[in-house]
Each structure stands twice: as structure tokens, then as C-alpha cells.
Amino acid sequence: MKDSYIENSVKTASPAKLVEMLYEKGIEVLKDAKGFFKENNFIAANEKIKRAQDIITELNISLDMEKGGEIAKSLRSLYNYMYRTLIESNLKKDIQKLDEVIYYFEQLLDVWKTAMKSTTVKPNENDHHLNISI
């Protein structure tokens, strides 16, 4: 039941809402990974970190580099840094690195919510990917 609700929410969400949902899910899975690290459950932590990496990859490929200008370039750099930091955290079992990426997700979420109050994000009608213009 919960899975179908989530699936429906994703299918009907605007691109702007999808970005917000991705940021929120990134925070959630990394907090879960942090808990698994503390329990020495490295297999479960690895799965959560891989999920966060998938989220970052989706955010990264969804950037509209032409329309997004310098902001899109900065986001691409930040997403790449976050991804690399997760690799390092996973290899070294470093909770502080997880905290760093959680912090970035939280900051991005706050900024995104503020920006969406005054900006519109329109879907690209030619495909089903996000077309994020800021």
C-alpha cells in the first residue's frame, strides 16, 4: 500500500516537487546509513549509500546546463563532490563524511524550497526527465 502511494506521488509530482523529494530521500537514506555504521552493519549501510549515490546521479543528470548557467555548473560540482565524498565514507566507514553530505542535502533542500516559492520549474515536454532551470 505504501509503495503504491509513493509510486503515485512520484508519477504525479511536478519536476520541482521531484527535486524536493530527492533531497528529502537523500537525507533519509544517509541518516539510515549512519545508523547502520554505528551498528557495524556495513552491508546495509553500503546499500543506503548506494541509494544516495543514485539520487545524486539523478539530480546531476537532470541539470539543464544551458539554461541553468553558473548555478547549474555550481550544482554539478557540488553533486560530484557529494558523490565522491560518499565513496570515501563508504570505503573508510567514516560517519563524519556522511554527516557532511547530509548537511549539503539539508542546505540544498532549504534553498530549493525557498527558490520554489518565487521560481517556476517546467517539465521538458520532449522527454520524461527533469528539466531544471533556475
N, C-alpha and C. Protein backbone atom coordinates (compact mmCIF):
# COMPACT_ATOMS: atom_id res chain seq x y z
N MET A 1 0.83 -1.20 0.00
CA MET A 1 0.00 0.00 0.00
C MET A 1 0.87 1.26 0.00
N LYS A 2 1.87 1.29 0.89
CA LYS A 2 2.75 2.45 0.98
C LYS A 2 3.52 2.63 -0.31
N ASP A 3 4.01 1.53 -0.90
CA ASP A 3 4.78 1.62 -2.14
C ASP A 3 3.95 2.19 -3.27
N SER A 4 2.67 1.80 -3.37
CA SER A 4 1.84 2.34 -4.45
C SER A 4 1.55 3.82 -4.22
N TYR A 5 1.42 4.23 -2.96
CA TYR A 5 1.23 5.64 -2.65
C TYR A 5 2.46 6.44 -3.08
N ILE A 6 3.63 5.94 -2.74
CA ILE A 6 4.87 6.63 -3.11
C ILE A 6 5.02 6.67 -4.62
N GLU A 7 4.76 5.55 -5.27
CA GLU A 7 4.87 5.50 -6.73
C GLU A 7 3.93 6.51 -7.38
N ASN A 8 2.70 6.60 -6.88
CA ASN A 8 1.73 7.56 -7.41
C ASN A 8 2.18 8.99 -7.15
N SER A 9 2.74 9.24 -5.97
CA SER A 9 3.23 10.58 -5.64
C SER A 9 4.33 11.01 -6.60
N VAL A 10 5.22 10.09 -6.93
CA VAL A 10 6.32 10.40 -7.85
C VAL A 10 5.78 10.64 -9.25
N LYS A 11 4.85 9.81 -9.69
CA LYS A 11 4.30 9.94 -11.05
C LYS A 11 3.54 11.24 -11.25
N THR A 12 2.91 11.74 -10.20
CA THR A 12 2.07 12.93 -10.34
C THR A 12 2.76 14.21 -9.88
N ALA A 13 3.95 14.11 -9.34
CA ALA A 13 4.65 15.29 -8.82
C ALA A 13 5.21 16.15 -9.95
N SER A 14 5.25 17.44 -9.70
CA SER A 14 5.90 18.36 -10.64
C SER A 14 7.40 18.13 -10.58
N PRO A 15 8.13 18.56 -11.60
CA PRO A 15 9.59 18.44 -11.54
C PRO A 15 10.18 19.11 -10.30
N ALA A 16 9.63 20.26 -9.92
CA ALA A 16 10.14 20.95 -8.73
C ALA A 16 9.92 20.11 -7.48
N LYS A 17 8.77 19.50 -7.38
CA LYS A 17 8.47 18.64 -6.23
C LYS A 17 9.36 17.40 -6.24
N LEU A 18 9.65 16.86 -7.42
CA LEU A 18 10.53 15.69 -7.52
C LEU A 18 11.92 16.00 -6.97
N VAL A 19 12.44 17.17 -7.28
CA VAL A 19 13.76 17.55 -6.76
C VAL A 19 13.69 17.61 -5.23
N GLU A 20 12.65 18.22 -4.72
CA GLU A 20 12.47 18.29 -3.27
C GLU A 20 12.42 16.88 -2.66
N MET A 21 11.67 15.99 -3.30
CA MET A 21 11.56 14.61 -2.82
C MET A 21 12.91 13.89 -2.86
N LEU A 22 13.70 14.16 -3.90
CA LEU A 22 15.03 13.54 -3.99
C LEU A 22 15.94 14.04 -2.87
N TYR A 23 15.92 15.34 -2.60
CA TYR A 23 16.72 15.87 -1.49
C TYR A 23 16.30 15.22 -0.17
N GLU A 24 14.98 15.15 0.06
CA GLU A 24 14.47 14.56 1.30
C GLU A 24 14.88 13.09 1.42
N LYS A 25 14.77 12.36 0.33
CA LYS A 25 15.13 10.94 0.36
C LYS A 25 16.64 10.77 0.57
N GLY A 26 17.43 11.66 -0.01
CA GLY A 26 18.87 11.61 0.21
C GLY A 26 19.21 11.76 1.68
N ILE A 27 18.56 12.69 2.35
CA ILE A 27 18.77 12.89 3.79
C ILE A 27 18.36 11.63 4.55
N GLU A 28 17.20 11.11 4.21
CA GLU A 28 16.67 9.92 4.90
C GLU A 28 17.61 8.72 4.78
N VAL A 29 18.03 8.40 3.56
CA VAL A 29 18.85 7.19 3.39
C VAL A 29 20.24 7.35 4.01
N LEU A 30 20.76 8.56 4.02
CA LEU A 30 22.07 8.75 4.64
C LEU A 30 22.00 8.72 6.16
N LYS A 31 20.89 9.18 6.72
CA LYS A 31 20.71 9.03 8.17
C LYS A 31 20.57 7.55 8.53
N ASP A 32 19.89 6.80 7.66
CA ASP A 32 19.80 5.35 7.87
C ASP A 32 21.20 4.73 7.79
N ALA A 33 21.98 5.12 6.80
CA ALA A 33 23.34 4.59 6.64
C ALA A 33 24.18 4.89 7.87
N LYS A 34 24.02 6.08 8.40
CA LYS A 34 24.76 6.47 9.60
C LYS A 34 24.42 5.53 10.77
N GLY A 35 23.14 5.24 10.91
CA GLY A 35 22.72 4.30 11.96
C GLY A 35 23.31 2.91 11.75
N PHE A 36 23.33 2.47 10.51
CA PHE A 36 23.91 1.16 10.22
C PHE A 36 25.42 1.13 10.48
N PHE A 37 26.10 2.24 10.18
CA PHE A 37 27.53 2.32 10.51
C PHE A 37 27.74 2.14 12.02
N LYS A 38 26.91 2.83 12.80
CA LYS A 38 27.04 2.76 14.26
C LYS A 38 26.79 1.34 14.78
N GLU A 39 25.96 0.58 14.05
CA GLU A 39 25.66 -0.81 14.43
C GLU A 39 26.66 -1.79 13.81
N ASN A 40 27.65 -1.27 13.10
CA ASN A 40 28.61 -2.10 12.36
C ASN A 40 27.94 -3.00 11.32
N ASN A 41 26.80 -2.55 10.81
CA ASN A 41 26.11 -3.28 9.74
C ASN A 41 26.50 -2.61 8.42
N PHE A 42 27.68 -2.94 7.96
CA PHE A 42 28.26 -2.26 6.81
C PHE A 42 27.59 -2.64 5.49
N ILE A 43 27.01 -3.82 5.43
CA ILE A 43 26.30 -4.22 4.21
C ILE A 43 25.06 -3.34 4.02
N ALA A 44 24.28 -3.17 5.09
CA ALA A 44 23.08 -2.32 5.00
C ALA A 44 23.47 -0.86 4.76
N ALA A 45 24.53 -0.41 5.41
CA ALA A 45 25.00 0.97 5.20
C ALA A 45 25.40 1.17 3.75
N ASN A 46 26.09 0.20 3.18
CA ASN A 46 26.50 0.27 1.78
C ASN A 46 25.29 0.42 0.86
N GLU A 47 24.24 -0.34 1.13
CA GLU A 47 23.03 -0.26 0.29
C GLU A 47 22.41 1.14 0.37
N LYS A 48 22.37 1.70 1.54
CA LYS A 48 21.80 3.05 1.71
C LYS A 48 22.67 4.09 1.01
N ILE A 49 23.98 3.94 1.13
CA ILE A 49 24.89 4.89 0.48
C ILE A 49 24.76 4.79 -1.04
N LYS A 50 24.64 3.57 -1.55
CA LYS A 50 24.44 3.42 -2.99
C LYS A 50 23.13 4.08 -3.43
N ARG A 51 22.11 4.00 -2.60
CA ARG A 51 20.83 4.67 -2.91
C ARG A 51 21.03 6.18 -2.98
N ALA A 52 21.78 6.73 -2.03
CA ALA A 52 22.07 8.16 -2.04
C ALA A 52 22.87 8.54 -3.28
N GLN A 53 23.80 7.69 -3.68
CA GLN A 53 24.58 7.96 -4.90
C GLN A 53 23.67 7.95 -6.13
N ASP A 54 22.70 7.05 -6.16
CA ASP A 54 21.74 7.04 -7.27
C ASP A 54 20.94 8.34 -7.30
N ILE A 55 20.57 8.83 -6.14
CA ILE A 55 19.83 10.09 -6.05
C ILE A 55 20.69 11.23 -6.58
N ILE A 56 21.93 11.29 -6.16
CA ILE A 56 22.83 12.34 -6.63
C ILE A 56 23.03 12.25 -8.13
N THR A 57 23.16 11.05 -8.64
CA THR A 57 23.31 10.87 -10.09
C THR A 57 22.08 11.40 -10.82
N GLU A 58 20.89 11.10 -10.33
CA GLU A 58 19.66 11.58 -10.97
C GLU A 58 19.60 13.10 -10.92
N LEU A 59 19.94 13.69 -9.79
CA LEU A 59 19.96 15.15 -9.69
C LEU A 59 20.96 15.74 -10.68
N ASN A 60 22.11 15.12 -10.79
CA ASN A 60 23.17 15.62 -11.65
C ASN A 60 22.78 15.56 -13.13
N ILE A 61 22.24 14.44 -13.57
CA ILE A 61 21.89 14.32 -14.99
C ILE A 61 20.66 15.14 -15.35
N SER A 62 19.91 15.55 -14.34
CA SER A 62 18.71 16.34 -14.59
C SER A 62 18.98 17.83 -14.74
N LEU A 63 20.18 18.25 -14.45
CA LEU A 63 20.52 19.67 -14.58
C LEU A 63 20.46 20.10 -16.04
N ASP A 64 19.87 21.26 -16.27
CA ASP A 64 19.88 21.86 -17.61
C ASP A 64 21.05 22.84 -17.64
N MET A 65 22.16 22.36 -18.19
CA MET A 65 23.38 23.15 -18.17
C MET A 65 23.29 24.41 -19.04
N GLU A 66 22.47 24.38 -20.07
CA GLU A 66 22.33 25.56 -20.93
C GLU A 66 21.52 26.65 -20.24
N LYS A 67 20.37 26.30 -19.71
CA LYS A 67 19.51 27.30 -19.09
C LYS A 67 19.92 27.63 -17.66
N GLY A 68 20.59 26.68 -17.00
CA GLY A 68 20.94 26.86 -15.60
C GLY A 68 22.16 27.72 -15.35
N GLY A 69 22.97 27.91 -16.39
CA GLY A 69 24.14 28.78 -16.28
C GLY A 69 25.08 28.41 -15.15
N GLU A 70 25.56 29.44 -14.46
CA GLU A 70 26.54 29.25 -13.39
C GLU A 70 25.98 28.45 -12.22
N ILE A 71 24.69 28.62 -11.95
CA ILE A 71 24.09 27.86 -10.85
C ILE A 71 24.14 26.37 -11.15
N ALA A 72 23.79 26.00 -12.37
CA ALA A 72 23.83 24.58 -12.76
C ALA A 72 25.26 24.05 -12.69
N LYS A 73 26.23 24.86 -13.11
CA LYS A 73 27.63 24.44 -13.03
C LYS A 73 28.06 24.23 -11.58
N SER A 74 27.64 25.13 -10.71
CA SER A 74 27.97 25.00 -9.29
C SER A 74 27.32 23.77 -8.68
N LEU A 75 26.06 23.53 -9.04
CA LEU A 75 25.37 22.34 -8.54
C LEU A 75 26.05 21.07 -9.04
N ARG A 76 26.45 21.06 -10.31
CA ARG A 76 27.14 19.88 -10.85
C ARG A 76 28.41 19.61 -10.04
N SER A 77 29.17 20.66 -9.76
CA SER A 77 30.40 20.49 -8.96
C SER A 77 30.09 19.97 -7.56
N LEU A 78 29.05 20.52 -6.95
CA LEU A 78 28.68 20.08 -5.61
C LEU A 78 28.20 18.64 -5.63
N TYR A 79 27.35 18.28 -6.59
CA TYR A 79 26.87 16.90 -6.68
C TYR A 79 28.04 15.93 -6.88
N ASN A 80 28.98 16.29 -7.73
CA ASN A 80 30.15 15.44 -7.95
C ASN A 80 30.97 15.28 -6.66
N TYR A 81 31.12 16.38 -5.94
CA TYR A 81 31.84 16.33 -4.66
C TYR A 81 31.10 15.43 -3.66
N MET A 82 29.79 15.58 -3.58
CA MET A 82 28.99 14.77 -2.67
C MET A 82 29.14 13.28 -3.01
N TYR A 83 29.10 12.97 -4.29
CA TYR A 83 29.23 11.59 -4.74
C TYR A 83 30.59 11.01 -4.33
N ARG A 84 31.64 11.77 -4.59
CA ARG A 84 33.00 11.32 -4.22
C ARG A 84 33.14 11.16 -2.70
N THR A 85 32.53 12.07 -1.97
CA THR A 85 32.59 12.01 -0.51
C THR A 85 31.89 10.76 0.01
N LEU A 86 30.80 10.37 -0.64
CA LEU A 86 30.11 9.14 -0.24
C LEU A 86 30.97 7.90 -0.52
N ILE A 87 31.68 7.92 -1.63
CA ILE A 87 32.59 6.80 -1.92
C ILE A 87 33.63 6.69 -0.81
N GLU A 88 34.21 7.83 -0.46
CA GLU A 88 35.23 7.84 0.60
C GLU A 88 34.65 7.39 1.94
N SER A 89 33.46 7.88 2.26
CA SER A 89 32.81 7.49 3.50
C SER A 89 32.57 5.99 3.55
N ASN A 90 32.11 5.46 2.44
CA ASN A 90 31.81 4.03 2.37
C ASN A 90 33.08 3.19 2.51
N LEU A 91 34.14 3.60 1.85
CA LEU A 91 35.40 2.86 1.92
C LEU A 91 36.03 2.90 3.31
N LYS A 92 35.97 4.08 3.93
CA LYS A 92 36.63 4.27 5.23
C LYS A 92 35.69 4.10 6.42
N LYS A 93 34.41 3.86 6.14
CA LYS A 93 33.39 3.75 7.20
C LYS A 93 33.40 5.00 8.07
N ASP A 94 33.38 6.14 7.40
CA ASP A 94 33.56 7.45 8.03
C ASP A 94 32.21 8.16 8.19
N ILE A 95 31.72 8.20 9.42
CA ILE A 95 30.44 8.83 9.70
C ILE A 95 30.50 10.34 9.47
N GLN A 96 31.64 10.96 9.75
CA GLN A 96 31.76 12.41 9.54
C GLN A 96 31.55 12.78 8.08
N LYS A 97 32.01 11.94 7.18
CA LYS A 97 31.80 12.20 5.74
C LYS A 97 30.31 12.09 5.41
N LEU A 98 29.62 11.13 6.03
CA LEU A 98 28.17 11.04 5.83
C LEU A 98 27.49 12.30 6.33
N ASP A 99 27.90 12.76 7.52
CA ASP A 99 27.32 13.99 8.08
C ASP A 99 27.52 15.17 7.14
N GLU A 100 28.67 15.23 6.51
CA GLU A 100 28.95 16.32 5.58
C GLU A 100 27.97 16.29 4.40
N VAL A 101 27.72 15.12 3.85
CA VAL A 101 26.80 15.03 2.71
C VAL A 101 25.36 15.26 3.16
N ILE A 102 25.01 14.79 4.34
CA ILE A 102 23.67 15.08 4.89
C ILE A 102 23.50 16.59 5.01
N TYR A 103 24.51 17.27 5.52
CA TYR A 103 24.46 18.73 5.66
C TYR A 103 24.21 19.39 4.30
N TYR A 104 24.93 18.96 3.27
CA TYR A 104 24.73 19.54 1.94
C TYR A 104 23.31 19.29 1.43
N PHE A 105 22.81 18.07 1.62
CA PHE A 105 21.44 17.78 1.22
C PHE A 105 20.45 18.70 1.96
N GLU A 106 20.66 18.88 3.26
CA GLU A 106 19.77 19.74 4.04
C GLU A 106 19.81 21.18 3.56
N GLN A 107 21.00 21.69 3.27
CA GLN A 107 21.14 23.05 2.77
C GLN A 107 20.49 23.19 1.39
N LEU A 108 20.72 22.21 0.53
CA LEU A 108 20.11 22.24 -0.80
C LEU A 108 18.59 22.22 -0.70
N LEU A 109 18.06 21.40 0.20
CA LEU A 109 16.61 21.32 0.39
C LEU A 109 16.06 22.66 0.84
N ASP A 110 16.71 23.30 1.80
CA ASP A 110 16.24 24.60 2.28
C ASP A 110 16.26 25.65 1.18
N VAL A 111 17.36 25.69 0.44
CA VAL A 111 17.48 26.66 -0.65
C VAL A 111 16.45 26.37 -1.73
N TRP A 112 16.27 25.09 -2.05
CA TRP A 112 15.31 24.71 -3.09
C TRP A 112 13.90 25.14 -2.72
N LYS A 113 13.50 24.88 -1.48
CA LYS A 113 12.15 25.26 -1.04
C LYS A 113 11.96 26.77 -1.14
N THR A 114 12.98 27.52 -0.74
CA THR A 114 12.90 28.98 -0.82
C THR A 114 12.82 29.43 -2.27
N ALA A 115 13.64 28.85 -3.13
CA ALA A 115 13.65 29.23 -4.55
C ALA A 115 12.32 28.90 -5.21
N MET A 116 11.70 27.80 -4.84
CA MET A 116 10.46 27.38 -5.49
C MET A 116 9.29 28.28 -5.13
N LYS A 117 9.43 29.03 -4.06
CA LYS A 117 8.38 29.98 -3.70
C LYS A 117 8.32 31.14 -4.68
N SER A 118 9.44 31.40 -5.38
CA SER A 118 9.48 32.55 -6.28
C SER A 118 9.85 32.20 -7.72
N THR A 119 10.07 30.92 -8.02
CA THR A 119 10.51 30.49 -9.34
C THR A 119 9.67 29.31 -9.79
N THR A 120 9.48 29.19 -11.10
CA THR A 120 8.79 28.01 -11.62
C THR A 120 9.78 27.09 -12.31
N VAL A 121 9.50 25.81 -12.23
CA VAL A 121 10.28 24.80 -12.93
C VAL A 121 9.32 24.06 -13.83
N LYS A 122 9.61 24.04 -15.12
CA LYS A 122 8.71 23.42 -16.08
C LYS A 122 9.29 22.12 -16.61
N PRO A 123 8.40 21.14 -16.84
CA PRO A 123 8.90 19.89 -17.40
C PRO A 123 9.28 20.08 -18.86
N ASN A 124 10.25 19.31 -19.29
CA ASN A 124 10.61 19.27 -20.70
C ASN A 124 9.61 18.35 -21.36
N GLU A 125 8.80 18.86 -22.26
CA GLU A 125 7.73 18.08 -22.85
C GLU A 125 8.24 17.02 -23.81
N ASN A 126 9.50 17.06 -24.20
CA ASN A 126 10.05 16.10 -25.15
C ASN A 126 10.55 14.82 -24.51
N ASP A 127 10.74 14.82 -23.20
CA ASP A 127 11.18 13.59 -22.54
C ASP A 127 10.61 13.53 -21.14
N HIS A 128 10.91 12.46 -20.45
CA HIS A 128 10.36 12.25 -19.12
C HIS A 128 11.35 12.54 -18.02
N HIS A 129 12.47 13.16 -18.34
CA HIS A 129 13.45 13.54 -17.34
C HIS A 129 13.11 14.93 -16.81
N LEU A 130 13.70 15.26 -15.71
CA LEU A 130 13.54 16.60 -15.18
C LEU A 130 14.28 17.58 -16.06
N ASN A 131 13.76 18.77 -16.15
CA ASN A 131 14.44 19.84 -16.86
C ASN A 131 14.50 21.00 -15.88
N ILE A 132 15.57 21.07 -15.13
CA ILE A 132 15.66 22.01 -14.04
C ILE A 132 16.33 23.29 -14.51
N SER A 133 15.56 24.36 -14.51
CA SER A 133 16.08 25.67 -14.86
C SER A 133 15.91 26.58 -13.67
N ILE A 134 16.95 27.31 -13.35
CA ILE A 134 16.88 28.19 -12.18
C ILE A 134 17.03 29.61 -12.66
